[in-house]
Amino acid sequence: LTEQLNLKGTIRGHNNWVTQLATNPKFPDMLLSSSRAKTLIMWKLTRDDYYGIPQKR
């Protein structure tokens, strides 16, 4: 089977390339991202506007 990916929205906040994204089924509105600048951002995802709000840097 081939898995298809669809763009649902964008997040902005890192100063370098994003290297990793992580989700958890217990918290479907949260996303964790890391970058080459060695930063982590925890995002609260919105359902209506398709963007993320940084919660912690």
PDB file of N, CA and C in Angstrom:
ATOM      1  N   LEU A   1       0.832  -1.193   0.000  1.00  0.00           N
ATOM      2  CA  LEU A   1       0.000   0.000   0.000  1.00  0.00           C
ATOM      3  C   LEU A   1       0.869   1.246   0.000  1.00  0.00           C
ATOM      4  N   THR A   2       0.399   2.256  -0.669  1.00  0.00           N
ATOM      5  CA  THR A   2       1.090   3.536  -0.708  1.00  0.00           C
ATOM      6  C   THR A   2       0.358   4.513   0.191  1.00  0.00           C
ATOM      7  N   GLU A   3       1.100   5.164   1.063  1.00  0.00           N
ATOM      8  CA  GLU A   3       0.502   6.151   1.960  1.00  0.00           C
ATOM      9  C   GLU A   3       0.561   7.520   1.297  1.00  0.00           C
ATOM     10  N   GLN A   4      -0.534   8.256   1.376  1.00  0.00           N
ATOM     11  CA  GLN A   4      -0.598   9.579   0.775  1.00  0.00           C
ATOM     12  C   GLN A   4      -0.561  10.636   1.864  1.00  0.00           C
ATOM     13  N   LEU A   5       0.243  11.672   1.656  1.00  0.00           N
ATOM     14  CA  LEU A   5       0.336  12.788   2.594  1.00  0.00           C
ATOM     15  C   LEU A   5      -0.357  13.999   1.998  1.00  0.00           C
ATOM     16  N   ASN A   6      -1.102  14.719   2.821  1.00  0.00           N
ATOM     17  CA  ASN A   6      -1.795  15.926   2.389  1.00  0.00           C
ATOM     18  C   ASN A   6      -1.400  17.083   3.283  1.00  0.00           C
ATOM     19  N   LEU A   7      -1.081  18.229   2.684  1.00  0.00           N
ATOM     20  CA  LEU A   7      -0.773  19.435   3.445  1.00  0.00           C
ATOM     21  C   LEU A   7      -2.054  19.965   4.073  1.00  0.00           C
ATOM     22  N   LYS A   8      -2.060  20.096   5.391  1.00  0.00           N
ATOM     23  CA  LYS A   8      -3.225  20.596   6.116  1.00  0.00           C
ATOM     24  C   LYS A   8      -3.022  22.020   6.605  1.00  0.00           C
ATOM     25  N   GLY A   9      -1.778  22.471   6.696  1.00  0.00           N
ATOM     26  CA  GLY A   9      -1.502  23.811   7.188  1.00  0.00           C
ATOM     27  C   GLY A   9      -0.009  24.032   7.316  1.00  0.00           C
ATOM     28  N   THR A  10       0.358  25.174   7.870  1.00  0.00           N
ATOM     29  CA  THR A  10       1.765  25.523   8.017  1.00  0.00           C
ATOM     30  C   THR A  10       2.050  25.987   9.437  1.00  0.00           C
ATOM     31  N   ILE A  11       3.315  25.875   9.822  1.00  0.00           N
ATOM     32  CA  ILE A  11       3.778  26.411  11.102  1.00  0.00           C
ATOM     33  C   ILE A  11       5.034  27.226  10.822  1.00  0.00           C
ATOM     34  N   ARG A  12       5.200  28.317  11.540  1.00  0.00           N
ATOM     35  CA  ARG A  12       6.389  29.154  11.390  1.00  0.00           C
ATOM     36  C   ARG A  12       6.932  29.472  12.766  1.00  0.00           C
ATOM     37  N   GLY A  13       8.253  29.343  12.914  1.00  0.00           N
ATOM     38  CA  GLY A  13       8.838  29.643  14.204  1.00  0.00           C
ATOM     39  C   GLY A  13      10.286  29.221  14.336  1.00  0.00           C
ATOM     40  N   HIS A  14      10.724  28.266  13.523  1.00  0.00           N
ATOM     41  CA  HIS A  14      12.113  27.820  13.581  1.00  0.00           C
ATOM     42  C   HIS A  14      12.987  28.736  12.728  1.00  0.00           C
ATOM     43  N   ASN A  15      14.254  28.871  13.130  1.00  0.00           N
ATOM     44  CA  ASN A  15      15.205  29.690  12.387  1.00  0.00           C
ATOM     45  C   ASN A  15      16.073  28.865  11.446  1.00  0.00           C
ATOM     46  N   ASN A  16      15.823  27.575  11.350  1.00  0.00           N
ATOM     47  CA  ASN A  16      16.597  26.694  10.489  1.00  0.00           C
ATOM     48  C   ASN A  16      15.678  25.574  10.022  1.00  0.00           C
ATOM     49  N   TRP A  17      16.196  24.649   9.253  1.00  0.00           N
ATOM     50  CA  TRP A  17      15.392  23.553   8.723  1.00  0.00           C
ATOM     51  C   TRP A  17      14.760  22.735   9.833  1.00  0.00           C
ATOM     52  N   VAL A  18      13.519  22.367   9.641  1.00  0.00           N
ATOM     53  CA  VAL A  18      12.848  21.447  10.563  1.00  0.00           C
ATOM     54  C   VAL A  18      13.323  20.039  10.221  1.00  0.00           C
ATOM     55  N   THR A  19      13.761  19.306  11.241  1.00  0.00           N
ATOM     56  CA  THR A  19      14.324  17.975  11.019  1.00  0.00           C
ATOM     57  C   THR A  19      13.425  16.847  11.509  1.00  0.00           C
ATOM     58  N   GLN A  20      12.480  17.161  12.381  1.00  0.00           N
ATOM     59  CA  GLN A  20      11.647  16.101  12.958  1.00  0.00           C
ATOM     60  C   GLN A  20      10.294  16.669  13.364  1.00  0.00           C
ATOM     61  N   LEU A  21       9.248  15.876  13.171  1.00  0.00           N
ATOM     62  CA  LEU A  21       7.906  16.183  13.655  1.00  0.00           C
ATOM     63  C   LEU A  21       7.419  14.977  14.443  1.00  0.00           C
ATOM     64  N   ALA A  22       6.734  15.226  15.552  1.00  0.00           N
ATOM     65  CA  ALA A  22       6.212  14.125  16.367  1.00  0.00           C
ATOM     66  C   ALA A  22       4.797  14.451  16.817  1.00  0.00           C
ATOM     67  N   THR A  23       3.947  13.432  16.818  1.00  0.00           N
ATOM     68  CA  THR A  23       2.569  13.564  17.290  1.00  0.00           C
ATOM     69  C   THR A  23       2.297  12.458  18.300  1.00  0.00           C
ATOM     70  N   ASN A  24       1.161  12.585  18.982  1.00  0.00           N
ATOM     71  CA  ASN A  24       0.747  11.576  19.950  1.00  0.00           C
ATOM     72  C   ASN A  24      -0.763  11.415  19.823  1.00  0.00           C
ATOM     73  N   PRO A  25      -1.278  10.200  19.632  1.00  0.00           N
ATOM     74  CA  PRO A  25      -2.719  10.015  19.475  1.00  0.00           C
ATOM     75  C   PRO A  25      -3.535  10.460  20.686  1.00  0.00           C
ATOM     76  N   LYS A  26      -2.913  10.519  21.868  1.00  0.00           N
ATOM     77  CA  LYS A  26      -3.636  10.987  23.056  1.00  0.00           C
ATOM     78  C   LYS A  26      -3.866  12.495  23.026  1.00  0.00           C
ATOM     79  N   PHE A  27      -3.042  13.221  22.271  1.00  0.00           N
ATOM     80  CA  PHE A  27      -3.140  14.681  22.169  1.00  0.00           C
ATOM     81  C   PHE A  27      -3.141  15.073  20.693  1.00  0.00           C
ATOM     82  N   PRO A  28      -4.248  14.862  19.979  1.00  0.00           N
ATOM     83  CA  PRO A  28      -4.267  15.086  18.531  1.00  0.00           C
ATOM     84  C   PRO A  28      -4.105  16.546  18.117  1.00  0.00           C
ATOM     85  N   ASP A  29      -4.272  17.481  19.052  1.00  0.00           N
ATOM     86  CA  ASP A  29      -4.113  18.895  18.704  1.00  0.00           C
ATOM     87  C   ASP A  29      -2.721  19.430  19.061  1.00  0.00           C
ATOM     88  N   MET A  30      -1.785  18.539  19.397  1.00  0.00           N
ATOM     89  CA  MET A  30      -0.424  18.951  19.735  1.00  0.00           C
ATOM     90  C   MET A  30       0.568  18.363  18.732  1.00  0.00           C
ATOM     91  N   LEU A  31       1.633  19.129  18.465  1.00  0.00           N
ATOM     92  CA  LEU A  31       2.699  18.709  17.567  1.00  0.00           C
ATOM     93  C   LEU A  31       4.014  19.182  18.161  1.00  0.00           C
ATOM     94  N   LEU A  32       5.041  18.364  18.085  1.00  0.00           N
ATOM     95  CA  LEU A  32       6.375  18.734  18.544  1.00  0.00           C
ATOM     96  C   LEU A  32       7.281  18.758  17.324  1.00  0.00           C
ATOM     97  N   SER A  33       8.043  19.857  17.164  1.00  0.00           N
ATOM     98  CA  SER A  33       8.970  19.960  16.039  1.00  0.00           C
ATOM     99  C   SER A  33      10.361  20.293  16.554  1.00  0.00           C
ATOM    100  N   SER A  34      11.370  19.822  15.815  1.00  0.00           N
ATOM    101  CA  SER A  34      12.761  20.145  16.142  1.00  0.00           C
ATOM    102  C   SER A  34      13.448  20.633  14.876  1.00  0.00           C
ATOM    103  N   SER A  35      14.541  21.389  15.073  1.00  0.00           N
ATOM    104  CA  SER A  35      15.221  21.961  13.915  1.00  0.00           C
ATOM    105  C   SER A  35      16.725  21.757  14.000  1.00  0.00           C
ATOM    106  N   ARG A  36      17.404  22.095  12.907  1.00  0.00           N
ATOM    107  CA  ARG A  36      18.866  22.013  12.867  1.00  0.00           C
ATOM    108  C   ARG A  36      19.506  23.033  13.793  1.00  0.00           C
ATOM    109  N   ALA A  37      18.760  24.034  14.227  1.00  0.00           N
ATOM    110  CA  ALA A  37      19.265  25.025  15.181  1.00  0.00           C
ATOM    111  C   ALA A  37      19.203  24.492  16.609  1.00  0.00           C
ATOM    112  N   LYS A  38      18.863  23.205  16.761  1.00  0.00           N
ATOM    113  CA  LYS A  38      18.778  22.538  18.066  1.00  0.00           C
ATOM    114  C   LYS A  38      17.703  23.151  18.958  1.00  0.00           C
ATOM    115  N   THR A  39      16.568  23.493  18.350  1.00  0.00           N
ATOM    116  CA  THR A  39      15.430  24.007  19.105  1.00  0.00           C
ATOM    117  C   THR A  39      14.251  23.050  18.961  1.00  0.00           C
ATOM    118  N   LEU A  40      13.423  23.019  20.000  1.00  0.00           N
ATOM    119  CA  LEU A  40      12.167  22.274  20.001  1.00  0.00           C
ATOM    120  C   LEU A  40      11.038  23.266  20.195  1.00  0.00           C
ATOM    121  N   ILE A  41       9.945  23.061  19.480  1.00  0.00           N
ATOM    122  CA  ILE A  41       8.747  23.877  19.689  1.00  0.00           C
ATOM    123  C   ILE A  41       7.567  22.927  19.831  1.00  0.00           C
ATOM    124  N   MET A  42       6.763  23.157  20.878  1.00  0.00           N
ATOM    125  CA  MET A  42       5.521  22.423  21.056  1.00  0.00           C
ATOM    126  C   MET A  42       4.403  23.315  20.518  1.00  0.00           C
ATOM    127  N   TRP A  43       3.592  22.783  19.618  1.00  0.00           N
ATOM    128  CA  TRP A  43       2.553  23.542  18.929  1.00  0.00           C
ATOM    129  C   TRP A  43       1.170  23.074  19.344  1.00  0.00           C
ATOM    130  N   LYS A  44       0.249  24.028  19.479  1.00  0.00           N
ATOM    131  CA  LYS A  44      -1.173  23.720  19.625  1.00  0.00           C
ATOM    132  C   LYS A  44      -1.781  23.947  18.254  1.00  0.00           C
ATOM    133  N   LEU A  45      -2.314  22.899  17.651  1.00  0.00           N
ATOM    134  CA  LEU A  45      -2.874  22.987  16.308  1.00  0.00           C
ATOM    135  C   LEU A  45      -4.328  23.421  16.370  1.00  0.00           C
ATOM    136  N   THR A  46      -4.702  24.324  15.480  1.00  0.00           N
ATOM    137  CA  THR A  46      -6.089  24.767  15.402  1.00  0.00           C
ATOM    138  C   THR A  46      -6.827  23.894  14.394  1.00  0.00           C
ATOM    139  N   ARG A  47      -8.079  23.706  14.607  1.00  0.00           N
ATOM    140  CA  ARG A  47      -8.886  22.882  13.696  1.00  0.00           C
ATOM    141  C   ARG A  47      -9.479  23.712  12.559  1.00  0.00           C
ATOM    142  N   ASP A  48      -9.838  24.950  12.839  1.00  0.00           N
ATOM    143  CA  ASP A  48     -10.564  25.750  11.858  1.00  0.00           C
ATOM    144  C   ASP A  48      -9.666  26.498  10.882  1.00  0.00           C
ATOM    145  N   ASP A  49      -8.531  27.021  11.366  1.00  0.00           N
ATOM    146  CA  ASP A  49      -7.717  27.907  10.543  1.00  0.00           C
ATOM    147  C   ASP A  49      -6.490  27.238   9.932  1.00  0.00           C
ATOM    148  N   TYR A  50      -6.224  25.994  10.284  1.00  0.00           N
ATOM    149  CA  TYR A  50      -5.110  25.232   9.718  1.00  0.00           C
ATOM    150  C   TYR A  50      -3.756  25.892   9.949  1.00  0.00           C
ATOM    151  N   TYR A  51      -3.490  26.242  11.176  1.00  0.00           N
ATOM    152  CA  TYR A  51      -2.160  26.721  11.529  1.00  0.00           C
ATOM    153  C   TYR A  51      -1.856  26.307  12.953  1.00  0.00           C
ATOM    154  N   GLY A  52      -0.588  26.456  13.335  1.00  0.00           N
ATOM    155  CA  GLY A  52      -0.164  26.077  14.678  1.00  0.00           C
ATOM    156  C   GLY A  52       0.251  27.285  15.489  1.00  0.00           C
ATOM    157  N   ILE A  53      -0.033  27.245  16.777  1.00  0.00           N
ATOM    158  CA  ILE A  53       0.347  28.314  17.702  1.00  0.00           C
ATOM    159  C   ILE A  53       1.446  27.767  18.604  1.00  0.00           C
ATOM    160  N   PRO A  54       2.647  28.395  18.589  1.00  0.00           N
ATOM    161  CA  PRO A  54       3.712  27.868  19.447  1.00  0.00           C
ATOM    162  C   PRO A  54       3.355  28.008  20.919  1.00  0.00           C
ATOM    163  N   GLN A  55       3.507  26.931  21.685  1.00  0.00           N
ATOM    164  CA  GLN A  55       3.196  26.934  23.110  1.00  0.00           C
ATOM    165  C   GLN A  55       4.452  27.079  23.959  1.00  0.00           C
ATOM    166  N   LYS A  56       5.527  26.425  23.568  1.00  0.00           N
ATOM    167  CA  LYS A  56       6.792  26.486  24.308  1.00  0.00           C
ATOM    168  C   LYS A  56       7.931  26.462  23.318  1.00  0.00           C
ATOM    169  N   ARG A  57       8.990  27.204  23.633  1.00  0.00           N
ATOM    170  CA  ARG A  57      10.197  27.206  22.799  1.00  0.00           C
ATOM    171  C   ARG A  57      11.360  26.837  23.644  1.00  0.00           C
TER     172      ARG A  57
END
